[in-house]
PDB file of N, CA and C in Angstrom:
ATOM      1  N   MET A   1     165.678  80.898  22.660  1.00  0.00           N
ATOM      2  CA  MET A   1     165.176  79.340  23.693  1.00  0.00           C
ATOM      3  C   MET A   1     165.545  80.261  24.510  1.00  0.00           C
ATOM      4  N   LEU A   2     166.408  80.885  24.780  1.00  0.00           N
ATOM      5  CA  LEU A   2     166.692  81.793  25.933  1.00  0.00           C
ATOM      6  C   LEU A   2     165.737  82.660  26.216  1.00  0.00           C
ATOM      7  N   LEU A   3     165.388  83.724  24.680  1.00  0.00           N
ATOM      8  CA  LEU A   3     164.361  84.515  25.485  1.00  0.00           C
ATOM      9  C   LEU A   3     162.933  84.071  25.615  1.00  0.00           C
ATOM     10  N   ALA A   4     162.563  82.818  24.849  1.00  0.00           N
ATOM     11  CA  ALA A   4     161.105  82.340  25.257  1.00  0.00           C
ATOM     12  C   ALA A   4     161.498  82.465  26.927  1.00  0.00           C
ATOM     13  N   ALA A   5     162.310  81.518  26.913  1.00  0.00           N
ATOM     14  CA  ALA A   5     162.342  81.022  28.707  1.00  0.00           C
ATOM     15  C   ALA A   5     161.832  82.682  29.688  1.00  0.00           C
ATOM     16  N   VAL A   6     163.028  83.662  29.733  1.00  0.00           N
ATOM     17  CA  VAL A   6     162.359  85.007  30.240  1.00  0.00           C
ATOM     18  C   VAL A   6     160.849  86.103  30.231  1.00  0.00           C
ATOM     19  N   LEU A   7     160.549  85.161  28.936  1.00  0.00           N
ATOM     20  CA  LEU A   7     159.768  85.475  28.448  1.00  0.00           C
ATOM     21  C   LEU A   7     157.984  84.734  29.391  1.00  0.00           C
ATOM     22  N   ALA A   8     159.063  83.188  28.964  1.00  0.00           N
ATOM     23  CA  ALA A   8     157.382  82.353  30.389  1.00  0.00           C
ATOM     24  C   ALA A   8     157.494  82.841  31.772  1.00  0.00           C
ATOM     25  N   LEU A   9     159.031  83.178  32.053  1.00  0.00           N
ATOM     26  CA  LEU A   9     159.459  83.706  33.881  1.00  0.00           C
ATOM     27  C   LEU A   9     158.596  85.066  34.039  1.00  0.00           C
ATOM     28  N   THR A  10     158.721  85.978  33.109  1.00  0.00           N
ATOM     29  CA  THR A  10     157.902  86.769  33.036  1.00  0.00           C
ATOM     30  C   THR A  10     156.152  87.375  32.999  1.00  0.00           C
ATOM     31  N   VAL A  11     155.278  86.211  31.989  1.00  0.00           N
ATOM     32  CA  VAL A  11     154.860  86.221  32.000  1.00  0.00           C
ATOM     33  C   VAL A  11     153.955  85.267  33.765  1.00  0.00           C
ATOM     34  N   SER A  12     154.780  84.133  34.151  1.00  0.00           N
ATOM     35  CA  SER A  12     154.639  83.681  35.772  1.00  0.00           C
ATOM     36  C   SER A  12     154.300  84.889  36.483  1.00  0.00           C
ATOM     37  N   LEU A  13     155.703  85.485  36.393  1.00  0.00           N
ATOM     38  CA  LEU A  13     155.399  86.878  38.168  1.00  0.00           C
ATOM     39  C   LEU A  13     153.945  87.370  37.961  1.00  0.00           C
ATOM     40  N   SER A  14     154.259  87.945  36.423  1.00  0.00           N
ATOM     41  CA  SER A  14     152.665  88.587  36.727  1.00  0.00           C
ATOM     42  C   SER A  14     151.362  87.777  36.636  1.00  0.00           C
ATOM     43  N   ALA A  15     151.388  86.906  36.846  1.00  0.00           N
ATOM     44  CA  ALA A  15     150.151  85.959  37.171  1.00  0.00           C
ATOM     45  C   ALA A  15     150.223  86.392  38.125  1.00  0.00           C
ATOM     46  N   ASP A  16     151.669  86.166  39.085  1.00  0.00           N
ATOM     47  CA  ASP A  16     151.410  85.666  40.632  1.00  0.00           C
ATOM     48  C   ASP A  16     151.705  86.915  41.447  1.00  0.00           C
ATOM     49  N   GLU A  17     151.683  87.879  41.116  1.00  0.00           N
ATOM     50  CA  GLU A  17     150.862  88.715  41.439  1.00  0.00           C
ATOM     51  C   GLU A  17     149.999  89.414  41.628  1.00  0.00           C
ATOM     52  N   PRO A  18     149.522  89.019  42.499  1.00  0.00           N
ATOM     53  CA  PRO A  18     147.604  89.842  42.849  1.00  0.00           C
ATOM     54  C   PRO A  18     146.850  91.030  42.560  1.00  0.00           C
ATOM     55  N   GLU A  19     146.171  91.730  41.797  1.00  0.00           N
ATOM     56  CA  GLU A  19     146.114  92.612  41.588  1.00  0.00           C
ATOM     57  C   GLU A  19     144.935  93.666  41.663  1.00  0.00           C
ATOM     58  N   THR A  20     144.507  94.940  42.134  1.00  0.00           N
ATOM     59  CA  THR A  20     143.555  95.361  43.385  1.00  0.00           C
ATOM     60  C   THR A  20     142.443  96.479  42.035  1.00  0.00           C
ATOM     61  N   LYS A  21     141.527  96.222  42.165  1.00  0.00           N
ATOM     62  CA  LYS A  21     140.685  97.601  41.038  1.00  0.00           C
ATOM     63  C   LYS A  21     140.814  98.598  42.356  1.00  0.00           C
ATOM     64  N   LEU A  22     141.355 100.051  42.819  1.00  0.00           N
ATOM     65  CA  LEU A  22     141.354 100.743  43.758  1.00  0.00           C
ATOM     66  C   LEU A  22     140.194 101.647  43.204  1.00  0.00           C
ATOM     67  N   ARG A  23     139.332 102.259  44.358  1.00  0.00           N
ATOM     68  CA  ARG A  23     138.422 102.986  44.100  1.00  0.00           C
ATOM     69  C   ARG A  23     138.624 104.023  45.202  1.00  0.00           C
ATOM     70  N   VAL A  24     139.022 105.567  45.217  1.00  0.00           N
ATOM     71  CA  VAL A  24     138.967 106.040  46.469  1.00  0.00           C
ATOM     72  C   VAL A  24     138.314 107.162  46.329  1.00  0.00           C
ATOM     73  N   GLU A  25     136.740 107.199  47.343  1.00  0.00           N
ATOM     74  CA  GLU A  25     135.535 108.058  47.587  1.00  0.00           C
ATOM     75  C   GLU A  25     136.097 109.522  48.553  1.00  0.00           C
ATOM     76  N   VAL A  26     136.095 110.678  47.903  1.00  0.00           N
ATOM     77  CA  VAL A  26     136.821 111.520  49.475  1.00  0.00           C
ATOM     78  C   VAL A  26     134.676 112.234  49.216  1.00  0.00           C
ATOM     79  N   LYS A  27     134.924 112.055  50.881  1.00  0.00           N
ATOM     80  CA  LYS A  27     133.524 113.037  51.067  1.00  0.00           C
ATOM     81  C   LYS A  27     133.916 114.445  52.545  1.00  0.00           C
ATOM     82  N   THR A  28     132.880 114.827  52.742  1.00  0.00           N
ATOM     83  CA  THR A  28     132.822 115.999  53.713  1.00  0.00           C
ATOM     84  C   THR A  28     132.478 115.210  54.488  1.00  0.00           C
ATOM     85  N   LEU A  29     132.698 115.335  55.428  1.00  0.00           N
ATOM     86  CA  LEU A  29     131.561 114.643  56.980  1.00  0.00           C
ATOM     87  C   LEU A  29     130.389 115.015  56.820  1.00  0.00           C
ATOM     88  N   LYS A  30     129.700 115.699  56.011  1.00  0.00           N
ATOM     89  CA  LYS A  30     128.811 115.405  55.530  1.00  0.00           C
ATOM     90  C   LYS A  30     127.714 114.776  54.883  1.00  0.00           C
ATOM     91  N   GLY A  31     129.151 114.054  54.251  1.00  0.00           N
ATOM     92  CA  GLY A  31     128.604 113.031  52.894  1.00  0.00           C
ATOM     93  C   GLY A  31     128.423 113.570  51.814  1.00  0.00           C
ATOM     94  N   ARG A  32     129.063 115.336  51.566  1.00  0.00           N
ATOM     95  CA  ARG A  32     129.016 115.905  50.210  1.00  0.00           C
ATOM     96  C   ARG A  32     130.492 115.131  49.881  1.00  0.00           C
ATOM     97  N   PRO A  33     129.812 114.780  48.174  1.00  0.00           N
ATOM     98  CA  PRO A  33     131.198 114.522  47.351  1.00  0.00           C
ATOM     99  C   PRO A  33     132.138 116.389  47.219  1.00  0.00           C
ATOM    100  N   VAL A  34     133.402 115.988  47.565  1.00  0.00           N
ATOM    101  CA  VAL A  34     134.587 116.942  47.436  1.00  0.00           C
ATOM    102  C   VAL A  34     134.917 116.383  45.985  1.00  0.00           C
ATOM    103  N   ASP A  35     134.950 117.381  45.050  1.00  0.00           N
ATOM    104  CA  ASP A  35     135.528 117.464  43.673  1.00  0.00           C
ATOM    105  C   ASP A  35     137.159 118.145  43.734  1.00  0.00           C
ATOM    106  N   ARG A  36     138.009 117.688  42.602  1.00  0.00           N
ATOM    107  CA  ARG A  36     139.631 118.204  42.488  1.00  0.00           C
ATOM    108  C   ARG A  36     139.790 117.899  43.563  1.00  0.00           C
ATOM    109  N   ALA A  37     139.904 117.098  44.474  1.00  0.00           N
ATOM    110  CA  ALA A  37     140.281 116.585  45.546  1.00  0.00           C
ATOM    111  C   ALA A  37     141.516 115.688  45.273  1.00  0.00           C
ATOM    112  N   SER A  38     143.018 116.374  45.691  1.00  0.00           N
ATOM    113  CA  SER A  38     144.621 115.790  44.977  1.00  0.00           C
ATOM    114  C   SER A  38     144.798 113.891  45.399  1.00  0.00           C
ATOM    115  N   VAL A  39     144.287 112.721  45.307  1.00  0.00           N
ATOM    116  CA  VAL A  39     144.844 111.479  45.733  1.00  0.00           C
ATOM    117  C   VAL A  39     145.898 111.151  46.106  1.00  0.00           C
ATOM    118  N   VAL A  40     146.735 111.356  46.713  1.00  0.00           N
ATOM    119  CA  VAL A  40     148.099 110.371  46.472  1.00  0.00           C
ATOM    120  C   VAL A  40     148.481 109.061  46.803  1.00  0.00           C
ATOM    121  N   LEU A  41     149.183 108.181  45.866  1.00  0.00           N
ATOM    122  CA  LEU A  41     148.846 107.427  45.945  1.00  0.00           C
ATOM    123  C   LEU A  41     150.815 106.361  46.363  1.00  0.00           C
ATOM    124  N   ASP A  42     150.738 105.966  47.467  1.00  0.00           N
ATOM    125  CA  ASP A  42     153.017 105.454  47.288  1.00  0.00           C
ATOM    126  C   ASP A  42     152.316 104.171  48.166  1.00  0.00           C
ATOM    127  N   PHE A  43     153.236 102.968  47.716  1.00  0.00           N
ATOM    128  CA  PHE A  43     153.277 101.515  48.173  1.00  0.00           C
ATOM    129  C   PHE A  43     154.576 101.957  49.373  1.00  0.00           C
ATOM    130  N   VAL A  44     153.978 101.394  50.461  1.00  0.00           N
ATOM    131  CA  VAL A  44     154.730 100.589  51.932  1.00  0.00           C
ATOM    132  C   VAL A  44     155.211  99.824  51.914  1.00  0.00           C
ATOM    133  N   GLU A  45     154.198  98.129  51.476  1.00  0.00           N
ATOM    134  CA  GLU A  45     154.866  97.351  51.713  1.00  0.00           C
ATOM    135  C   GLU A  45     154.385  96.355  50.887  1.00  0.00           C
ATOM    136  N   GLY A  46     155.001  95.513  50.167  1.00  0.00           N
ATOM    137  CA  GLY A  46     154.739  94.518  49.375  1.00  0.00           C
ATOM    138  C   GLY A  46     154.020  94.704  47.955  1.00  0.00           C
ATOM    139  N   ARG A  47     155.281  95.352  47.042  1.00  0.00           N
ATOM    140  CA  ARG A  47     155.511  95.723  45.950  1.00  0.00           C
ATOM    141  C   ARG A  47     157.484  95.382  45.950  1.00  0.00           C
ATOM    142  N   SER A  48     157.655  94.832  44.552  1.00  0.00           N
ATOM    143  CA  SER A  48     159.673  94.924  44.547  1.00  0.00           C
ATOM    144  C   SER A  48     159.480  96.318  43.447  1.00  0.00           C
ATOM    145  N   VAL A  49     160.336  97.127  43.729  1.00  0.00           N
ATOM    146  CA  VAL A  49     160.943  98.325  43.401  1.00  0.00           C
ATOM    147  C   VAL A  49     161.267  97.745  41.590  1.00  0.00           C
ATOM    148  N   ALA A  50     162.469  96.692  41.175  1.00  0.00           N
ATOM    149  CA  ALA A  50     162.627  96.652  39.936  1.00  0.00           C
ATOM    150  C   ALA A  50     162.810  94.759  39.392  1.00  0.00           C
ATOM    151  N   ARG A  51     162.393  93.955  38.465  1.00  0.00           N
ATOM    152  CA  ARG A  51     161.454  93.515  37.851  1.00  0.00           C
ATOM    153  C   ARG A  51     163.269  93.832  36.343  1.00  0.00           C
ATOM    154  N   PHE A  52     163.989  92.620  36.218  1.00  0.00           N
ATOM    155  CA  PHE A  52     164.491  92.648  35.179  1.00  0.00           C
ATOM    156  C   PHE A  52     164.791  93.317  34.766  1.00  0.00           C
ATOM    157  N   GLY A  53     165.113  94.956  35.299  1.00  0.00           N
ATOM    158  CA  GLY A  53     166.106  96.212  34.931  1.00  0.00           C
ATOM    159  C   GLY A  53     165.084  96.968  34.785  1.00  0.00           C
ATOM    160  N   LYS A  54     164.311  96.609  35.283  1.00  0.00           N
ATOM    161  CA  LYS A  54     162.926  97.587  34.908  1.00  0.00           C
ATOM    162  C   LYS A  54     161.645  97.938  35.706  1.00  0.00           C
ATOM    163  N   LYS A  55     162.375  99.274  35.913  1.00  0.00           N
ATOM    164  CA  LYS A  55     161.267  99.495  37.565  1.00  0.00           C
ATOM    165  C   LYS A  55     159.581  99.711  37.501  1.00  0.00           C
ATOM    166  N   ILE A  56     159.849  99.475  38.218  1.00  0.00           N
ATOM    167  CA  ILE A  56     158.062  99.410  38.625  1.00  0.00           C
ATOM    168  C   ILE A  56     157.253 100.221  39.579  1.00  0.00           C
ATOM    169  N   ARG A  57     156.314 100.815  38.740  1.00  0.00           N
ATOM    170  CA  ARG A  57     156.191 102.091  39.750  1.00  0.00           C
ATOM    171  C   ARG A  57     155.113 101.753  41.201  1.00  0.00           C
ATOM    172  N   THR A  58     155.866 102.275  41.408  1.00  0.00           N
ATOM    173  CA  THR A  58     155.444 102.595  42.986  1.00  0.00           C
ATOM    174  C   THR A  58     154.299 104.346  43.760  1.00  0.00           C
ATOM    175  N   HIS A  59     153.581 104.693  43.041  1.00  0.00           N
ATOM    176  CA  HIS A  59     153.559 106.089  43.026  1.00  0.00           C
ATOM    177  C   HIS A  59     152.392 106.465  42.224  1.00  0.00           C
ATOM    178  N   TRP A  60     151.196 107.133  42.778  1.00  0.00           N
ATOM    179  CA  TRP A  60     150.122 107.847  41.596  1.00  0.00           C
ATOM    180  C   TRP A  60     149.959 108.893  42.216  1.00  0.00           C
ATOM    181  N   GLU A  61     149.451 109.936  41.543  1.00  0.00           N
ATOM    182  CA  GLU A  61     148.323 110.958  41.256  1.00  0.00           C
ATOM    183  C   GLU A  61     147.812 111.391  40.624  1.00  0.00           C
ATOM    184  N   THR A  62     146.261 111.352  41.074  1.00  0.00           N
ATOM    185  CA  THR A  62     145.189 111.905  40.566  1.00  0.00           C
ATOM    186  C   THR A  62     143.586 113.099  40.637  1.00  0.00           C
ATOM    187  N   ARG A  63     143.465 113.041  40.581  1.00  0.00           N
ATOM    188  CA  ARG A  63     141.725 113.826  41.088  1.00  0.00           C
ATOM    189  C   ARG A  63     140.993 112.619  41.441  1.00  0.00           C
ATOM    190  N   THR A  64     139.872 113.357  41.931  1.00  0.00           N
ATOM    191  CA  THR A  64     139.141 113.563  42.031  1.00  0.00           C
ATOM    192  C   THR A  64     138.044 114.174  40.879  1.00  0.00           C
ATOM    193  N   ASN A  65     136.625 113.014  40.627  1.00  0.00           N
ATOM    194  CA  ASN A  65     136.138 113.715  40.213  1.00  0.00           C
ATOM    195  C   ASN A  65     134.547 114.864  40.330  1.00  0.00           C
ATOM    196  N   GLN A  66     133.219 114.906  39.937  1.00  0.00           N
ATOM    197  CA  GLN A  66     132.499 115.495  40.544  1.00  0.00           C
ATOM    198  C   GLN A  66     131.824 114.488  41.486  1.00  0.00           C
ATOM    199  N   ASP A  67     131.491 113.822  41.379  1.00  0.00           N
ATOM    200  CA  ASP A  67     131.028 112.479  42.275  1.00  0.00           C
ATOM    201  C   ASP A  67     132.377 112.489  43.228  1.00  0.00           C
ATOM    202  N   GLY A  68     133.240 113.259  43.312  1.00  0.00           N
ATOM    203  CA  GLY A  68     134.166 112.971  44.624  1.00  0.00           C
ATOM    204  C   GLY A  68     135.118 111.889  44.888  1.00  0.00           C
ATOM    205  N   VAL A  69     134.954 111.371  43.215  1.00  0.00           N
ATOM    206  CA  VAL A  69     135.538 110.094  42.834  1.00  0.00           C
ATOM    207  C   VAL A  69     136.929 109.877  41.977  1.00  0.00           C
ATOM    208  N   ALA A  70     138.339 108.597  42.910  1.00  0.00           N
ATOM    209  CA  ALA A  70     139.038 108.532  41.602  1.00  0.00           C
ATOM    210  C   ALA A  70     139.546 107.247  42.117  1.00  0.00           C
ATOM    211  N   LYS A  71     139.602 107.505  40.009  1.00  0.00           N
ATOM    212  CA  LYS A  71     139.888 105.739  40.014  1.00  0.00           C
ATOM    213  C   LYS A  71     141.621 105.108  39.811  1.00  0.00           C
ATOM    214  N   LEU A  72     141.763 104.761  40.368  1.00  0.00           N
ATOM    215  CA  LEU A  72     143.245 104.270  40.129  1.00  0.00           C
ATOM    216  C   LEU A  72     143.858 103.224  39.093  1.00  0.00           C
ATOM    217  N   PRO A  73     144.276 102.467  38.256  1.00  0.00           N
ATOM    218  CA  PRO A  73     145.114 101.722  37.513  1.00  0.00           C
ATOM    219  C   PRO A  73     145.134 100.930  38.574  1.00  0.00           C
ATOM    220  N   PRO A  74     144.628  99.175  38.052  1.00  0.00           N
ATOM    221  CA  PRO A  74     144.893  97.821  38.953  1.00  0.00           C
ATOM    222  C   PRO A  74     146.592  98.040  39.404  1.00  0.00           C
ATOM    223  N   ILE A  75     146.358  98.048  40.608  1.00  0.00           N
ATOM    224  CA  ILE A  75     147.580  97.758  41.807  1.00  0.00           C
ATOM    225  C   ILE A  75     148.382  96.868  42.097  1.00  0.00           C
ATOM    226  N   PRO A  76     149.389  96.506  42.525  1.00  0.00           N
ATOM    227  CA  PRO A  76     149.298  95.040  42.897  1.00  0.00           C
ATOM    228  C   PRO A  76     148.907  95.131  44.666  1.00  0.00           C
ATOM    229  N   GLN A  77     148.107  93.815  45.072  1.00  0.00           N
ATOM    230  CA  GLN A  77     148.115  94.358  46.119  1.00  0.00           C
ATOM    231  C   GLN A  77     149.681  94.217  46.953  1.00  0.00           C
ATOM    232  N   GLY A  78     149.197  94.816  49.069  1.00  0.00           N
ATOM    233  CA  GLY A  78     150.049  95.263  49.467  1.00  0.00           C
ATOM    234  C   GLY A  78     149.419  96.423  50.605  1.00  0.00           C
ATOM    235  N   LYS A  79     150.591  96.552  51.662  1.00  0.00           N
ATOM    236  CA  LYS A  79     150.269  98.261  52.582  1.00  0.00           C
ATOM    237  C   LYS A  79     150.667  99.836  51.442  1.00  0.00           C
ATOM    238  N   ILE A  80     149.398 100.312  51.325  1.00  0.00           N
ATOM    239  CA  ILE A  80     149.383 101.388  50.505  1.00  0.00           C
ATOM    240  C   ILE A  80     149.284 102.686  51.542  1.00  0.00           C
ATOM    241  N   ARG A  81     150.094 103.782  51.553  1.00  0.00           N
ATOM    242  CA  ARG A  81     149.312 104.761  51.846  1.00  0.00           C
ATOM    243  C   ARG A  81     149.025 105.860  51.348  1.00  0.00           C
ATOM    244  N   ILE A  82     147.823 105.933  51.219  1.00  0.00           N
ATOM    245  CA  ILE A  82     146.745 106.881  50.728  1.00  0.00           C
ATOM    246  C   ILE A  82     146.927 108.858  51.091  1.00  0.00           C
ATOM    247  N   GLN A  83     147.148 109.480  50.690  1.00  0.00           N
ATOM    248  CA  GLN A  83     147.192 111.137  50.874  1.00  0.00           C
ATOM    249  C   GLN A  83     146.304 111.572  50.704  1.00  0.00           C
ATOM    250  N   VAL A  84     145.454 112.892  50.703  1.00  0.00           N
ATOM    251  CA  VAL A  84     144.305 113.618  50.180  1.00  0.00           C
ATOM    252  C   VAL A  84     144.412 115.156  50.463  1.00  0.00           C
ATOM    253  N   ILE A  85     144.313 115.512  49.261  1.00  0.00           N
ATOM    254  CA  ILE A  85     144.213 116.742  50.320  1.00  0.00           C
ATOM    255  C   ILE A  85     143.835 117.610  48.889  1.00  0.00           C
ATOM    256  N   ALA A  86     142.567 118.674  50.279  1.00  0.00           N
ATOM    257  CA  ALA A  86     141.454 119.305  49.292  1.00  0.00           C
ATOM    258  C   ALA A  86     141.932 120.599  49.689  1.00  0.00           C
ATOM    259  N   LYS A  87     141.468 121.959  49.164  1.00  0.00           N
ATOM    260  CA  LYS A  87     141.599 123.402  48.866  1.00  0.00           C
ATOM    261  C   LYS A  87     140.124 123.666  50.293  1.00  0.00           C
ATOM    262  N   GLY A  88     139.863 123.565  51.220  1.00  0.00           N
ATOM    263  CA  GLY A  88     139.414 124.034  52.609  1.00  0.00           C
ATOM    264  C   GLY A  88     139.126 123.173  53.757  1.00  0.00           C
ATOM    265  N   TYR A  89     140.350 122.118  53.228  1.00  0.00           N
ATOM    266  CA  TYR A  89     139.727 121.371  54.139  1.00  0.00           C
ATOM    267  C   TYR A  89     141.176 120.430  54.816  1.00  0.00           C
ATOM    268  N   GLN A  90     140.821 119.598  55.792  1.00  0.00           N
ATOM    269  CA  GLN A  90     142.366 119.617  55.769  1.00  0.00           C
ATOM    270  C   GLN A  90     142.494 117.716  55.629  1.00  0.00           C
ATOM    271  N   THR A  91     144.617 118.215  55.421  1.00  0.00           N
ATOM    272  CA  THR A  91     144.668 117.179  54.903  1.00  0.00           C
ATOM    273  C   THR A  91     144.926 115.381  55.575  1.00  0.00           C
ATOM    274  N   SER A  92     144.992 114.601  54.597  1.00  0.00           N
ATOM    275  CA  SER A  92     143.883 113.307  55.414  1.00  0.00           C
ATOM    276  C   SER A  92     145.298 113.172  54.226  1.00  0.00           C
ATOM    277  N   GLY A  93     145.424 111.678  55.350  1.00  0.00           N
ATOM    278  CA  GLY A  93     146.755 110.842  55.228  1.00  0.00           C
ATOM    279  C   GLY A  93     146.251 109.286  56.161  1.00  0.00           C
ATOM    280  N   ASN A  94     146.571 108.487  55.130  1.00  0.00           N
ATOM    281  CA  ASN A  94     145.783 106.493  56.316  1.00  0.00           C
ATOM    282  C   ASN A  94     147.153 105.921  55.663  1.00  0.00           C
ATOM    283  N   VAL A  95     147.468 104.755  56.387  1.00  0.00           N
ATOM    284  CA  VAL A  95     147.687 103.391  55.057  1.00  0.00           C
ATOM    285  C   VAL A  95     146.374 101.825  55.402  1.00  0.00           C
ATOM    286  N   TYR A  96     146.322 101.693  54.556  1.00  0.00           N
ATOM    287  CA  TYR A  96     145.458 100.835  54.401  1.00  0.00           C
ATOM    288  C   TYR A  96     146.686  99.058  53.607  1.00  0.00           C
ATOM    289  N   ASP A  97     145.603  98.331  54.236  1.00  0.00           N
ATOM    290  CA  ASP A  97     145.873  97.176  53.420  1.00  0.00           C
ATOM    291  C   ASP A  97     144.976  96.706  52.355  1.00  0.00           C
ATOM    292  N   VAL A  98     145.419  96.472  51.099  1.00  0.00           N
ATOM    293  CA  VAL A  98     145.051  96.017  50.133  1.00  0.00           C
ATOM    294  C   VAL A  98     145.386  94.811  49.864  1.00  0.00           C
ATOM    295  N   ASN A  99     144.545  94.289  49.604  1.00  0.00           N
ATOM    296  CA  ASN A  99     143.912  92.347  49.663  1.00  0.00           C
ATOM    297  C   ASN A  99     143.257  91.792  49.300  1.00  0.00           C
ATOM    298  N   GLU A 100     142.042  92.693  48.326  1.00  0.00           N
ATOM    299  CA  GLU A 100     141.155  91.955  47.304  1.00  0.00           C
ATOM    300  C   GLU A 100     141.027  92.569  45.803  1.00  0.00           C
ATOM    301  N   GLU A 101     139.945  91.677  45.451  1.00  0.00           N
ATOM    302  CA  GLU A 101     140.184  91.818  44.373  1.00  0.00           C
ATOM    303  C   GLU A 101     139.983  93.056  44.038  1.00  0.00           C
ATOM    304  N   GLU A 102     138.369  94.264  43.970  1.00  0.00           N
ATOM    305  CA  GLU A 102     138.354  95.088  44.873  1.00  0.00           C
ATOM    306  C   GLU A 102     138.161  95.433  45.989  1.00  0.00           C
ATOM    307  N   LYS A 103     138.347  97.682  46.127  1.00  0.00           N
ATOM    308  CA  LYS A 103     137.739  97.446  47.074  1.00  0.00           C
ATOM    309  C   LYS A 103     137.834  99.539  46.394  1.00  0.00           C
ATOM    310  N   THR A 104     136.831  99.533  47.476  1.00  0.00           N
ATOM    311  CA  THR A 104     136.542 100.555  47.742  1.00  0.00           C
ATOM    312  C   THR A 104     136.900 101.850  49.076  1.00  0.00           C
ATOM    313  N   ILE A 105     137.239 102.516  49.023  1.00  0.00           N
ATOM    314  CA  ILE A 105     138.142 103.483  50.193  1.00  0.00           C
ATOM    315  C   ILE A 105     137.125 104.811  50.784  1.00  0.00           C
ATOM    316  N   GLU A 106     136.564 104.953  51.577  1.00  0.00           N
ATOM    317  CA  GLU A 106     136.400 106.264  51.138  1.00  0.00           C
ATOM    318  C   GLU A 106     136.615 107.184  52.765  1.00  0.00           C
ATOM    319  N   ILE A 107     137.256 108.391  52.772  1.00  0.00           N
ATOM    320  CA  ILE A 107     137.539 109.209  52.932  1.00  0.00           C
ATOM    321  C   ILE A 107     136.687 110.686  53.496  1.00  0.00           C
ATOM    322  N   ARG A 108     136.777 110.437  54.653  1.00  0.00           N
ATOM    323  CA  ARG A 108     136.039 111.535  55.136  1.00  0.00           C
ATOM    324  C   ARG A 108     137.427 112.788  55.159  1.00  0.00           C
ATOM    325  N   LEU A 109     137.007 113.962  55.075  1.00  0.00           N
ATOM    326  CA  LEU A 109     137.780 115.178  55.307  1.00  0.00           C
ATOM    327  C   LEU A 109     136.670 116.390  56.073  1.00  0.00           C
ATOM    328  N   ASN A 110     137.379 116.335  57.559  1.00  0.00           N
ATOM    329  CA  ASN A 110     136.977 117.688  58.126  1.00  0.00           C
ATOM    330  C   ASN A 110     137.871 119.009  57.596  1.00  0.00           C
ATOM    331  N   PRO A 111     136.595 119.911  58.145  1.00  0.00           N
ATOM    332  CA  PRO A 111     136.659 121.572  58.169  1.00  0.00           C
ATOM    333  C   PRO A 111     137.928 121.771  58.080  1.00  0.00           C
ATOM    334  N   PRO A 112     138.463 122.926  58.242  1.00  0.00           N
ATOM    335  CA  PRO A 112     140.219 123.326  58.429  1.00  0.00           C
ATOM    336  C   PRO A 112     140.214 123.949  59.534  1.00  0.00           C
ATOM    337  N   GLN A 113     140.817 123.873  60.940  1.00  0.00           N
ATOM    338  CA  GLN A 113     140.730 124.468  62.310  1.00  0.00           C
ATOM    339  C   GLN A 113     141.344 125.353  61.989  1.00  0.00           C
ATOM    340  N   SER A 114     140.251 126.469  63.115  1.00  0.00           N
ATOM    341  CA  SER A 114     140.229 128.115  63.259  1.00  0.00           C
ATOM    342  C   SER A 114     141.968 128.010  63.520  1.00  0.00           C
ATOM    343  N   GLN A 115     142.385 128.854  63.839  1.00  0.00           N
ATOM    344  CA  GLN A 115     143.729 128.787  63.790  1.00  0.00           C
ATOM    345  C   GLN A 115     143.726 130.725  65.068  1.00  0.00           C
ATOM    346  N   TYR A 116     145.270 129.452  65.923  1.00  0.00           N
ATOM    347  CA  TYR A 116     145.562 130.643  66.804  1.00  0.00           C
ATOM    348  C   TYR A 116     147.286 130.689  67.092  1.00  0.00           C
ATOM    349  N   SER A 117     147.503 131.268  68.196  1.00  0.00           N
ATOM    350  CA  SER A 117     148.504 131.609  68.342  1.00  0.00           C
ATOM    351  C   SER A 117     149.040 132.035  70.082  1.00  0.00           C
ATOM    352  N   VAL A 118     150.659 131.325  69.630  1.00  0.00           N
ATOM    353  CA  VAL A 118     150.771 130.968  71.435  1.00  0.00           C
ATOM    354  C   VAL A 118     151.680 132.435  71.246  1.00  0.00           C
ATOM    355  N   HIS A 119     151.649 133.456  70.151  1.00  0.00           N
ATOM    356  CA  HIS A 119     151.873 134.765  70.785  1.00  0.00           C
ATOM    357  C   HIS A 119     150.610 136.218  71.024  1.00  0.00           C
ATOM    358  N   GLN A 120     151.380 136.571  72.237  1.00  0.00           N
ATOM    359  CA  GLN A 120     150.075 137.259  72.154  1.00  0.00           C
ATOM    360  C   GLN A 120     150.619 138.878  72.269  1.00  0.00           C
TER     361      GLN A 120
END
């Protein structure tokens, strides 16, 4: 009986937490896809760290495919930080509010800045 009550509570908590299917598109400033870019996602707000002693995942890392797309598993809605790292481009990082059933985030990467020195 107690096990059934715990299972019912777990199922109701999972059902109450809305999730988002997230897709991240990484492109150059000219709109070309950037493949093999690292996409790092961390939760900022809106997600509990533990439920019934089980730690909940709050960090994902993946890479973009040849089309510059990174697909992530369904994630709970809330504020997330996405950081994109790609060879030959400036690192990009922003915080996004995710509160839809499906969301596509397009990130445009800048070319590297020219180096300069303060020493002469």
